[in-house]
Amino acid sequence: MTAPSSADSPRDSPGLDGTDAPAGDQSSLTKRLLAECQQLRETVEDQQEIIEKQQQTITDQVSRINALEDRVDDLEDDSEKTRDIARSASAKAEQVAADTDQQEDAEQLPQGVDPSSSPLDFFANCQQSKVKELFVEQSNRANTYRAICVAKRWPEFAQRRTDGSGIFFTRDHLETALTAHLGKQPHRQTIHRVWDQLVELGGDDVRVKRRQVGRKQEPKELLTMDMDTAEGLLDSQYLGLDLLEATGGKTRTGGVTPVVTEVTG
């Protein structure tokens, strides 16, 4: 009988490295690979579960932080209200005890509180929400309120003098400040009216000057304040004194001057 040719002889399948491997070894290798795949799949599933738990933990922590921040805001509001009530009560007690005969036609301020130097100084030092209620909600004088708000934001928008002695607003500065206050570009007429209100409210505290950089340039108008006046707008010294209550736009600020009357705008 003729021996089978090499082409007819059964041969083992090639191994993974290109060499022939017995069928039994191939089966063992396949099982091992399947087992490793299963183990990897389980590891991935475990890691996914851990990640989901961590994400849930992060979500819970964020919710707690937000709740704590809200609580802090509430406490700060309550604290501010409590301080206002306490200051108001103290001020009223001192006003009742004051000898009003010593100050003709002026409302007595509590000890240690100075009278304002101008209507602008007075309104800037009162509680802003009450100033807004007076000029915007009660009397439709929004430009007056805007002028007060812009003046208080001088650290952001006004130009400081090089020697540090004061600050000034140009109309461009005023326009930028109004844009920030309103959240949109103000009308030209609004800029003009707020400018006029700053002049009117400022009294002797605000001066109008003209500056010309070059001969060919048009002179620019400036609203100027000395640094003591500007810093005084940020003192908040009349918070809690209830000086705006039932005024109808005519508010005495203590001392002999100023008497705030008939502010337009």
C-alpha atoms as a PDB file:
ATOM      1  CA  MET A   1       0.000   0.000   0.000  1.00  0.00           C
ATOM      2  CA  THR A   2       1.262   3.382  -0.918  1.00  0.00           C
ATOM      3  CA  ALA A   3       1.963   5.629   2.042  1.00  0.00           C
ATOM      4  CA  PRO A   4      -0.177   8.713   2.174  1.00  0.00           C
ATOM      5  CA  SER A   5       1.431  11.778   0.770  1.00  0.00           C
ATOM      6  CA  SER A   6       2.374  14.641   2.978  1.00  0.00           C
ATOM      7  CA  ALA A   7      -0.490  16.677   1.511  1.00  0.00           C
ATOM      8  CA  ASP A   8      -2.978  14.067   2.713  1.00  0.00           C
ATOM      9  CA  SER A   9      -1.517  13.833   6.214  1.00  0.00           C
ATOM     10  CA  PRO A  10      -3.528  15.547   8.969  1.00  0.00           C
ATOM     11  CA  ARG A  11      -1.692  18.493  10.482  1.00  0.00           C
ATOM     12  CA  ASP A  12      -2.232  20.458  13.603  1.00  0.00           C
ATOM     13  CA  SER A  13      -3.495  24.020  13.226  1.00  0.00           C
ATOM     14  CA  PRO A  14      -0.827  26.723  13.415  1.00  0.00           C
ATOM     15  CA  GLY A  15      -0.178  28.315  16.788  1.00  0.00           C
ATOM     16  CA  LEU A  16      -0.620  31.984  17.587  1.00  0.00           C
ATOM     17  CA  ASP A  17       3.076  32.584  16.996  1.00  0.00           C
ATOM     18  CA  GLY A  18       2.898  31.134  13.467  1.00  0.00           C
ATOM     19  CA  THR A  19       4.135  27.660  14.462  1.00  0.00           C
ATOM     20  CA  ASP A  20       2.061  24.569  14.459  1.00  0.00           C
ATOM     21  CA  ALA A  21       0.336  23.862  17.817  1.00  0.00           C
ATOM     22  CA  PRO A  22      -1.478  20.724  18.898  1.00  0.00           C
ATOM     23  CA  ALA A  23      -5.281  20.951  18.957  1.00  0.00           C
ATOM     24  CA  GLY A  24      -5.352  20.434  22.723  1.00  0.00           C
ATOM     25  CA  ASP A  25      -3.069  23.401  23.360  1.00  0.00           C
ATOM     26  CA  GLN A  26      -5.203  25.586  21.095  1.00  0.00           C
ATOM     27  CA  SER A  27      -8.329  24.731  23.073  1.00  0.00           C
ATOM     28  CA  SER A  28      -6.561  25.466  26.343  1.00  0.00           C
ATOM     29  CA  LEU A  29      -5.365  28.826  25.037  1.00  0.00           C
ATOM     30  CA  THR A  30      -8.875  29.754  23.893  1.00  0.00           C
ATOM     31  CA  LYS A  31     -10.328  28.928  27.294  1.00  0.00           C
ATOM     32  CA  ARG A  32      -7.666  30.978  29.007  1.00  0.00           C
ATOM     33  CA  LEU A  33      -8.331  33.957  26.748  1.00  0.00           C
ATOM     34  CA  LEU A  34     -12.056  33.702  27.346  1.00  0.00           C
ATOM     35  CA  ALA A  35     -11.468  33.582  31.085  1.00  0.00           C
ATOM     36  CA  GLU A  36      -9.270  36.672  30.910  1.00  0.00           C
ATOM     37  CA  CYS A  37     -11.897  38.495  28.849  1.00  0.00           C
ATOM     38  CA  GLN A  38     -14.550  37.618  31.399  1.00  0.00           C
ATOM     39  CA  GLN A  39     -12.329  38.832  34.216  1.00  0.00           C
ATOM     40  CA  LEU A  40     -11.676  42.099  32.384  1.00  0.00           C
ATOM     41  CA  ARG A  41     -15.387  42.526  31.772  1.00  0.00           C
ATOM     42  CA  GLU A  42     -16.123  42.042  35.473  1.00  0.00           C
ATOM     43  CA  THR A  43     -13.353  44.492  36.393  1.00  0.00           C
ATOM     44  CA  VAL A  44     -14.806  47.104  34.041  1.00  0.00           C
ATOM     45  CA  GLU A  45     -18.272  46.566  35.513  1.00  0.00           C
ATOM     46  CA  ASP A  46     -16.889  46.931  39.041  1.00  0.00           C
ATOM     47  CA  GLN A  47     -15.057  50.126  38.077  1.00  0.00           C
ATOM     48  CA  GLN A  48     -18.186  51.484  36.441  1.00  0.00           C
ATOM     49  CA  GLU A  49     -20.148  50.828  39.607  1.00  0.00           C
ATOM     50  CA  ILE A  50     -17.472  52.599  41.678  1.00  0.00           C
ATOM     51  CA  ILE A  51     -17.531  55.579  39.291  1.00  0.00           C
ATOM     52  CA  GLU A  52     -21.311  55.817  39.501  1.00  0.00           C
ATOM     53  CA  LYS A  53     -21.148  55.763  43.302  1.00  0.00           C
ATOM     54  CA  GLN A  54     -18.488  58.473  43.255  1.00  0.00           C
ATOM     55  CA  GLN A  55     -20.570  60.596  40.885  1.00  0.00           C
ATOM     56  CA  GLN A  56     -23.554  60.217  43.183  1.00  0.00           C
ATOM     57  CA  THR A  57     -21.383  61.210  46.132  1.00  0.00           C
ATOM     58  CA  ILE A  58     -20.170  64.297  44.255  1.00  0.00           C
ATOM     59  CA  THR A  59     -23.751  65.205  43.355  1.00  0.00           C
ATOM     60  CA  ASP A  60     -24.793  64.849  46.993  1.00  0.00           C
ATOM     61  CA  GLN A  61     -21.854  66.979  48.135  1.00  0.00           C
ATOM     62  CA  VAL A  62     -22.672  69.693  45.595  1.00  0.00           C
ATOM     63  CA  SER A  63     -26.283  69.711  46.787  1.00  0.00           C
ATOM     64  CA  ARG A  64     -25.110  70.066  50.393  1.00  0.00           C
ATOM     65  CA  ILE A  65     -22.729  72.875  49.449  1.00  0.00           C
ATOM     66  CA  ASN A  66     -25.495  74.707  47.573  1.00  0.00           C
ATOM     67  CA  ALA A  67     -27.811  74.281  50.540  1.00  0.00           C
ATOM     68  CA  LEU A  68     -25.129  75.609  52.890  1.00  0.00           C
ATOM     69  CA  GLU A  69     -24.472  78.588  50.598  1.00  0.00           C
ATOM     70  CA  ASP A  70     -28.187  79.380  50.538  1.00  0.00           C
ATOM     71  CA  ARG A  71     -28.246  79.113  54.318  1.00  0.00           C
ATOM     72  CA  VAL A  72     -25.257  81.437  54.618  1.00  0.00           C
ATOM     73  CA  ASP A  73     -26.977  83.966  52.332  1.00  0.00           C
ATOM     74  CA  ASP A  74     -30.110  83.777  54.479  1.00  0.00           C
ATOM     75  CA  LEU A  75     -28.085  84.252  57.646  1.00  0.00           C
ATOM     76  CA  GLU A  76     -26.253  87.221  56.144  1.00  0.00           C
ATOM     77  CA  ASP A  77     -29.565  88.792  55.136  1.00  0.00           C
ATOM     78  CA  ASP A  78     -30.975  88.188  58.621  1.00  0.00           C
ATOM     79  CA  SER A  79     -27.822  89.598  60.180  1.00  0.00           C
ATOM     80  CA  GLU A  80     -27.997  92.705  57.998  1.00  0.00           C
ATOM     81  CA  LYS A  81     -31.643  93.223  58.914  1.00  0.00           C
ATOM     82  CA  THR A  82     -30.830  92.751  62.596  1.00  0.00           C
ATOM     83  CA  ARG A  83     -28.020  95.311  62.404  1.00  0.00           C
ATOM     84  CA  ASP A  84     -30.317  97.770  60.625  1.00  0.00           C
ATOM     85  CA  ILE A  85     -33.002  97.310  63.279  1.00  0.00           C
ATOM     86  CA  ALA A  86     -30.478  97.748  66.078  1.00  0.00           C
ATOM     87  CA  ARG A  87     -28.936 100.844  64.509  1.00  0.00           C
ATOM     88  CA  SER A  88     -32.370 102.294  63.815  1.00  0.00           C
ATOM     89  CA  ALA A  89     -33.499 101.706  67.399  1.00  0.00           C
ATOM     90  CA  SER A  90     -30.316 103.248  68.775  1.00  0.00           C
ATOM     91  CA  ALA A  91     -30.593 106.237  66.462  1.00  0.00           C
ATOM     92  CA  LYS A  92     -34.220 106.839  67.342  1.00  0.00           C
ATOM     93  CA  ALA A  93     -33.417 106.647  71.036  1.00  0.00           C
ATOM     94  CA  GLU A  94     -30.688 109.252  70.658  1.00  0.00           C
ATOM     95  CA  GLN A  95     -32.905 111.438  68.493  1.00  0.00           C
ATOM     96  CA  VAL A  96     -35.613 111.385  71.152  1.00  0.00           C
ATOM     97  CA  ALA A  97     -33.061 112.315  73.816  1.00  0.00           C
ATOM     98  CA  ALA A  98     -31.527 115.105  71.738  1.00  0.00           C
ATOM     99  CA  ASP A  99     -32.314 118.733  72.447  1.00  0.00           C
ATOM    100  CA  THR A 100     -33.838 119.772  69.127  1.00  0.00           C
ATOM    101  CA  ASP A 101     -33.957 123.430  70.246  1.00  0.00           C
ATOM    102  CA  GLN A 102     -30.208 123.607  69.705  1.00  0.00           C
ATOM    103  CA  GLN A 103     -30.616 123.040  65.970  1.00  0.00           C
ATOM    104  CA  GLU A 104     -33.143 125.199  64.249  1.00  0.00           C
ATOM    105  CA  ASP A 105     -34.873 123.606  61.241  1.00  0.00           C
ATOM    106  CA  ALA A 106     -32.616 120.531  61.318  1.00  0.00           C
ATOM    107  CA  GLU A 107     -33.094 116.935  62.287  1.00  0.00           C
ATOM    108  CA  GLN A 108     -30.835 115.776  65.090  1.00  0.00           C
ATOM    109  CA  LEU A 109     -28.476 112.963  64.179  1.00  0.00           C
ATOM    110  CA  PRO A 110     -27.147 110.498  66.759  1.00  0.00           C
ATOM    111  CA  GLN A 111     -23.806 111.177  68.360  1.00  0.00           C
ATOM    112  CA  GLY A 112     -20.845 110.343  66.154  1.00  0.00           C
ATOM    113  CA  VAL A 113     -22.803 110.641  62.897  1.00  0.00           C
ATOM    114  CA  ASP A 114     -21.867 113.669  60.815  1.00  0.00           C
ATOM    115  CA  PRO A 115     -24.319 115.599  58.657  1.00  0.00           C
ATOM    116  CA  SER A 116     -23.913 115.050  54.942  1.00  0.00           C
ATOM    117  CA  SER A 117     -22.106 117.553  52.773  1.00  0.00           C
ATOM    118  CA  SER A 118     -24.546 117.370  49.844  1.00  0.00           C
ATOM    119  CA  PRO A 119     -27.718 115.591  48.732  1.00  0.00           C
ATOM    120  CA  LEU A 120     -25.493 113.182  46.794  1.00  0.00           C
ATOM    121  CA  ASP A 121     -23.484 112.399  49.928  1.00  0.00           C
ATOM    122  CA  PHE A 122     -26.689 111.919  51.905  1.00  0.00           C
ATOM    123  CA  PHE A 123     -28.470 109.570  49.495  1.00  0.00           C
ATOM    124  CA  ALA A 124     -25.294 107.594  48.756  1.00  0.00           C
ATOM    125  CA  ASN A 125     -24.975 106.865  52.494  1.00  0.00           C
ATOM    126  CA  CYS A 126     -28.550 105.648  52.932  1.00  0.00           C
ATOM    127  CA  GLN A 127     -29.718 102.104  52.318  1.00  0.00           C
ATOM    128  CA  GLN A 128     -29.750 101.679  48.551  1.00  0.00           C
ATOM    129  CA  SER A 129     -32.982  99.679  48.447  1.00  0.00           C
ATOM    130  CA  LYS A 130     -34.797 102.529  50.219  1.00  0.00           C
ATOM    131  CA  VAL A 131     -33.249 105.115  47.914  1.00  0.00           C
ATOM    132  CA  LYS A 132     -34.471 103.098  44.951  1.00  0.00           C
ATOM    133  CA  GLU A 133     -37.937 102.862  46.470  1.00  0.00           C
ATOM    134  CA  LEU A 134     -38.013 106.630  46.974  1.00  0.00           C
ATOM    135  CA  PHE A 135     -36.832 107.680  43.521  1.00  0.00           C
ATOM    136  CA  VAL A 136     -37.922 104.823  41.261  1.00  0.00           C
ATOM    137  CA  GLU A 137     -41.017 103.264  42.788  1.00  0.00           C
ATOM    138  CA  GLN A 138     -42.570 106.240  44.562  1.00  0.00           C
ATOM    139  CA  SER A 139     -41.711 109.243  42.422  1.00  0.00           C
ATOM    140  CA  ASN A 140     -40.593 108.011  38.981  1.00  0.00           C
ATOM    141  CA  ARG A 141     -37.199 109.743  39.153  1.00  0.00           C
ATOM    142  CA  ALA A 142     -35.058 106.921  37.830  1.00  0.00           C
ATOM    143  CA  ASN A 143     -32.264 109.176  36.573  1.00  0.00           C
ATOM    144  CA  THR A 144     -31.729 110.543  40.075  1.00  0.00           C
ATOM    145  CA  TYR A 145     -31.328 107.009  41.382  1.00  0.00           C
ATOM    146  CA  ARG A 146     -28.987 106.162  38.494  1.00  0.00           C
ATOM    147  CA  ALA A 147     -26.836 109.187  39.266  1.00  0.00           C
ATOM    148  CA  ILE A 148     -26.470 108.083  42.892  1.00  0.00           C
ATOM    149  CA  CYS A 149     -25.577 104.530  41.872  1.00  0.00           C
ATOM    150  CA  VAL A 150     -23.017 105.705  39.311  1.00  0.00           C
ATOM    151  CA  ALA A 151     -21.390 108.054  41.818  1.00  0.00           C
ATOM    152  CA  LYS A 152     -20.994 105.199  44.310  1.00  0.00           C
ATOM    153  CA  ARG A 153     -19.255 103.108  41.667  1.00  0.00           C
ATOM    154  CA  TRP A 154     -16.492 105.618  41.111  1.00  0.00           C
ATOM    155  CA  PRO A 155     -13.746 103.114  42.128  1.00  0.00           C
ATOM    156  CA  GLU A 156     -14.710 101.063  39.050  1.00  0.00           C
ATOM    157  CA  PHE A 157     -15.382 103.723  36.435  1.00  0.00           C
ATOM    158  CA  ALA A 158     -14.010 107.142  37.395  1.00  0.00           C
ATOM    159  CA  GLN A 159     -10.478 108.344  36.677  1.00  0.00           C
ATOM    160  CA  ARG A 160      -8.218 109.128  39.627  1.00  0.00           C
ATOM    161  CA  ARG A 161      -6.100 112.243  39.541  1.00  0.00           C
ATOM    162  CA  THR A 162      -2.405 111.516  39.145  1.00  0.00           C
ATOM    163  CA  ASP A 163      -1.636 113.079  42.538  1.00  0.00           C
ATOM    164  CA  GLY A 164      -4.386 111.027  44.253  1.00  0.00           C
ATOM    165  CA  SER A 165      -6.224 114.134  45.435  1.00  0.00           C
ATOM    166  CA  GLY A 166      -9.518 113.324  43.745  1.00  0.00           C
ATOM    167  CA  ILE A 167     -11.433 111.668  40.928  1.00  0.00           C
ATOM    168  CA  PHE A 168     -13.319 112.771  37.833  1.00  0.00           C
ATOM    169  CA  PHE A 169     -15.902 111.446  35.387  1.00  0.00           C
ATOM    170  CA  THR A 170     -15.948 112.246  31.689  1.00  0.00           C
ATOM    171  CA  ARG A 171     -19.093 111.583  29.701  1.00  0.00           C
ATOM    172  CA  ASP A 172     -17.405 108.450  28.363  1.00  0.00           C
ATOM    173  CA  HIS A 173     -16.780 107.269  31.921  1.00  0.00           C
ATOM    174  CA  LEU A 174     -20.395 107.999  32.769  1.00  0.00           C
ATOM    175  CA  GLU A 175     -21.637 106.076  29.732  1.00  0.00           C
ATOM    176  CA  THR A 176     -19.535 103.037  30.708  1.00  0.00           C
ATOM    177  CA  ALA A 177     -20.831 103.144  34.279  1.00  0.00           C
ATOM    178  CA  LEU A 178     -24.442 103.458  33.114  1.00  0.00           C
ATOM    179  CA  THR A 179     -23.974 100.533  30.742  1.00  0.00           C
ATOM    180  CA  ALA A 180     -22.819  98.414  33.684  1.00  0.00           C
ATOM    181  CA  HIS A 181     -25.690  99.651  35.865  1.00  0.00           C
ATOM    182  CA  LEU A 182     -28.430  99.175  33.261  1.00  0.00           C
ATOM    183  CA  GLY A 183     -27.039  96.058  31.618  1.00  0.00           C
ATOM    184  CA  LYS A 184     -27.401  97.694  28.221  1.00  0.00           C
ATOM    185  CA  GLN A 185     -26.247 100.725  26.256  1.00  0.00           C
ATOM    186  CA  PRO A 186     -27.931 103.861  27.651  1.00  0.00           C
ATOM    187  CA  HIS A 187     -29.683 106.375  25.433  1.00  0.00           C
ATOM    188  CA  ARG A 188     -27.814 109.614  24.808  1.00  0.00           C
ATOM    189  CA  GLN A 189     -30.583 111.524  26.549  1.00  0.00           C
ATOM    190  CA  THR A 190     -30.220 109.281  29.621  1.00  0.00           C
ATOM    191  CA  ILE A 191     -26.496 110.058  29.788  1.00  0.00           C
ATOM    192  CA  HIS A 192     -27.237 113.786  29.581  1.00  0.00           C
ATOM    193  CA  ARG A 193     -29.914 113.668  32.305  1.00  0.00           C
ATOM    194  CA  VAL A 194     -27.818 111.564  34.682  1.00  0.00           C
ATOM    195  CA  TRP A 195     -24.918 113.980  34.170  1.00  0.00           C
ATOM    196  CA  ASP A 196     -27.189 116.894  35.092  1.00  0.00           C
ATOM    197  CA  GLN A 197     -28.463 114.999  38.140  1.00  0.00           C
ATOM    198  CA  LEU A 198     -24.918 114.442  39.376  1.00  0.00           C
ATOM    199  CA  VAL A 199     -24.292 118.166  39.101  1.00  0.00           C
ATOM    200  CA  GLU A 200     -27.550 119.023  40.893  1.00  0.00           C
ATOM    201  CA  LEU A 201     -27.175 116.438  43.653  1.00  0.00           C
ATOM    202  CA  GLY A 202     -23.502 117.129  44.176  1.00  0.00           C
ATOM    203  CA  GLY A 203     -23.847 120.746  45.218  1.00  0.00           C
ATOM    204  CA  ASP A 204     -20.424 122.018  46.261  1.00  0.00           C
ATOM    205  CA  ASP A 205     -19.093 118.443  46.333  1.00  0.00           C
ATOM    206  CA  VAL A 206     -19.202 118.077  42.542  1.00  0.00           C
ATOM    207  CA  ARG A 207     -17.564 120.614  40.269  1.00  0.00           C
ATOM    208  CA  VAL A 208     -17.743 120.888  36.491  1.00  0.00           C
ATOM    209  CA  LYS A 209     -14.426 121.590  34.807  1.00  0.00           C
ATOM    210  CA  ARG A 210     -13.252 121.737  31.223  1.00  0.00           C
ATOM    211  CA  ARG A 211     -10.053 120.135  29.997  1.00  0.00           C
ATOM    212  CA  GLN A 212      -8.408 120.511  26.601  1.00  0.00           C
ATOM    213  CA  VAL A 213      -5.523 118.162  25.808  1.00  0.00           C
ATOM    214  CA  GLY A 214      -4.473 119.728  22.494  1.00  0.00           C
ATOM    215  CA  ARG A 215      -5.302 122.827  20.533  1.00  0.00           C
ATOM    216  CA  LYS A 216      -7.082 120.865  17.831  1.00  0.00           C
ATOM    217  CA  GLN A 217      -9.165 118.813  20.249  1.00  0.00           C
ATOM    218  CA  GLU A 218     -12.505 119.897  21.609  1.00  0.00           C
ATOM    219  CA  PRO A 219     -12.406 120.600  25.359  1.00  0.00           C
ATOM    220  CA  LYS A 220     -13.986 117.890  27.509  1.00  0.00           C
ATOM    221  CA  GLU A 221     -16.243 118.477  30.468  1.00  0.00           C
ATOM    222  CA  LEU A 222     -15.285 116.749  33.707  1.00  0.00           C
ATOM    223  CA  LEU A 223     -17.279 116.110  36.871  1.00  0.00           C
ATOM    224  CA  THR A 224     -14.712 116.270  39.654  1.00  0.00           C
ATOM    225  CA  MET A 225     -14.720 115.362  43.351  1.00  0.00           C
ATOM    226  CA  ASP A 226     -11.928 115.510  45.887  1.00  0.00           C
ATOM    227  CA  MET A 227     -10.897 112.172  47.360  1.00  0.00           C
ATOM    228  CA  ASP A 228     -12.408 112.765  50.809  1.00  0.00           C
ATOM    229  CA  THR A 229     -15.793 113.452  49.217  1.00  0.00           C
ATOM    230  CA  ALA A 230     -15.557 110.413  46.944  1.00  0.00           C
ATOM    231  CA  GLU A 231     -14.582 108.104  49.789  1.00  0.00           C
ATOM    232  CA  GLY A 232     -17.387 109.570  51.896  1.00  0.00           C
ATOM    233  CA  LEU A 233     -19.929 108.237  49.384  1.00  0.00           C
ATOM    234  CA  LEU A 234     -18.991 104.709  50.495  1.00  0.00           C
ATOM    235  CA  ASP A 235     -19.269 105.188  54.276  1.00  0.00           C
ATOM    236  CA  SER A 236     -22.914 103.981  54.625  1.00  0.00           C
ATOM    237  CA  GLN A 237     -23.181 106.159  57.714  1.00  0.00           C
ATOM    238  CA  TYR A 238     -26.968 106.649  57.512  1.00  0.00           C
ATOM    239  CA  LEU A 239     -27.952 102.986  57.278  1.00  0.00           C
ATOM    240  CA  GLY A 240     -30.647 102.211  59.824  1.00  0.00           C
ATOM    241  CA  LEU A 241     -31.450 105.827  60.660  1.00  0.00           C
ATOM    242  CA  ASP A 242     -34.758 105.838  58.760  1.00  0.00           C
ATOM    243  CA  LEU A 243     -34.085 109.334  57.426  1.00  0.00           C
ATOM    244  CA  LEU A 244     -35.866 108.524  54.172  1.00  0.00           C
ATOM    245  CA  GLU A 245     -39.092 107.392  55.799  1.00  0.00           C
ATOM    246  CA  ALA A 246     -42.163 109.479  54.930  1.00  0.00           C
ATOM    247  CA  THR A 247     -40.065 112.220  53.349  1.00  0.00           C
ATOM    248  CA  GLY A 248     -41.832 112.647  50.036  1.00  0.00           C
ATOM    249  CA  GLY A 249     -38.515 113.761  48.574  1.00  0.00           C
ATOM    250  CA  LYS A 250     -37.828 116.408  51.231  1.00  0.00           C
ATOM    251  CA  THR A 251     -35.275 114.987  53.636  1.00  0.00           C
ATOM    252  CA  ARG A 252     -33.313 116.784  56.324  1.00  0.00           C
ATOM    253  CA  THR A 253     -29.913 115.235  56.803  1.00  0.00           C
ATOM    254  CA  GLY A 254     -28.923 116.698  60.146  1.00  0.00           C
ATOM    255  CA  GLY A 255     -26.794 119.671  60.989  1.00  0.00           C
ATOM    256  CA  VAL A 256     -27.585 122.976  59.362  1.00  0.00           C
ATOM    257  CA  THR A 257     -26.979 121.773  55.819  1.00  0.00           C
ATOM    258  CA  PRO A 258     -27.887 120.235  53.543  1.00  0.00           C
ATOM    259  CA  VAL A 259     -31.654 120.231  53.290  1.00  0.00           C
ATOM    260  CA  VAL A 260     -32.626 117.964  50.426  1.00  0.00           C
ATOM    261  CA  THR A 261     -35.593 119.439  48.639  1.00  0.00           C
ATOM    262  CA  GLU A 262     -37.371 118.856  45.370  1.00  0.00           C
ATOM    263  CA  VAL A 263     -34.779 116.726  43.640  1.00  0.00           C
ATOM    264  CA  THR A 264     -35.891 116.360  40.022  1.00  0.00           C
ATOM    265  CA  GLY A 265     -35.028 113.788  37.367  1.00  0.00           C
END
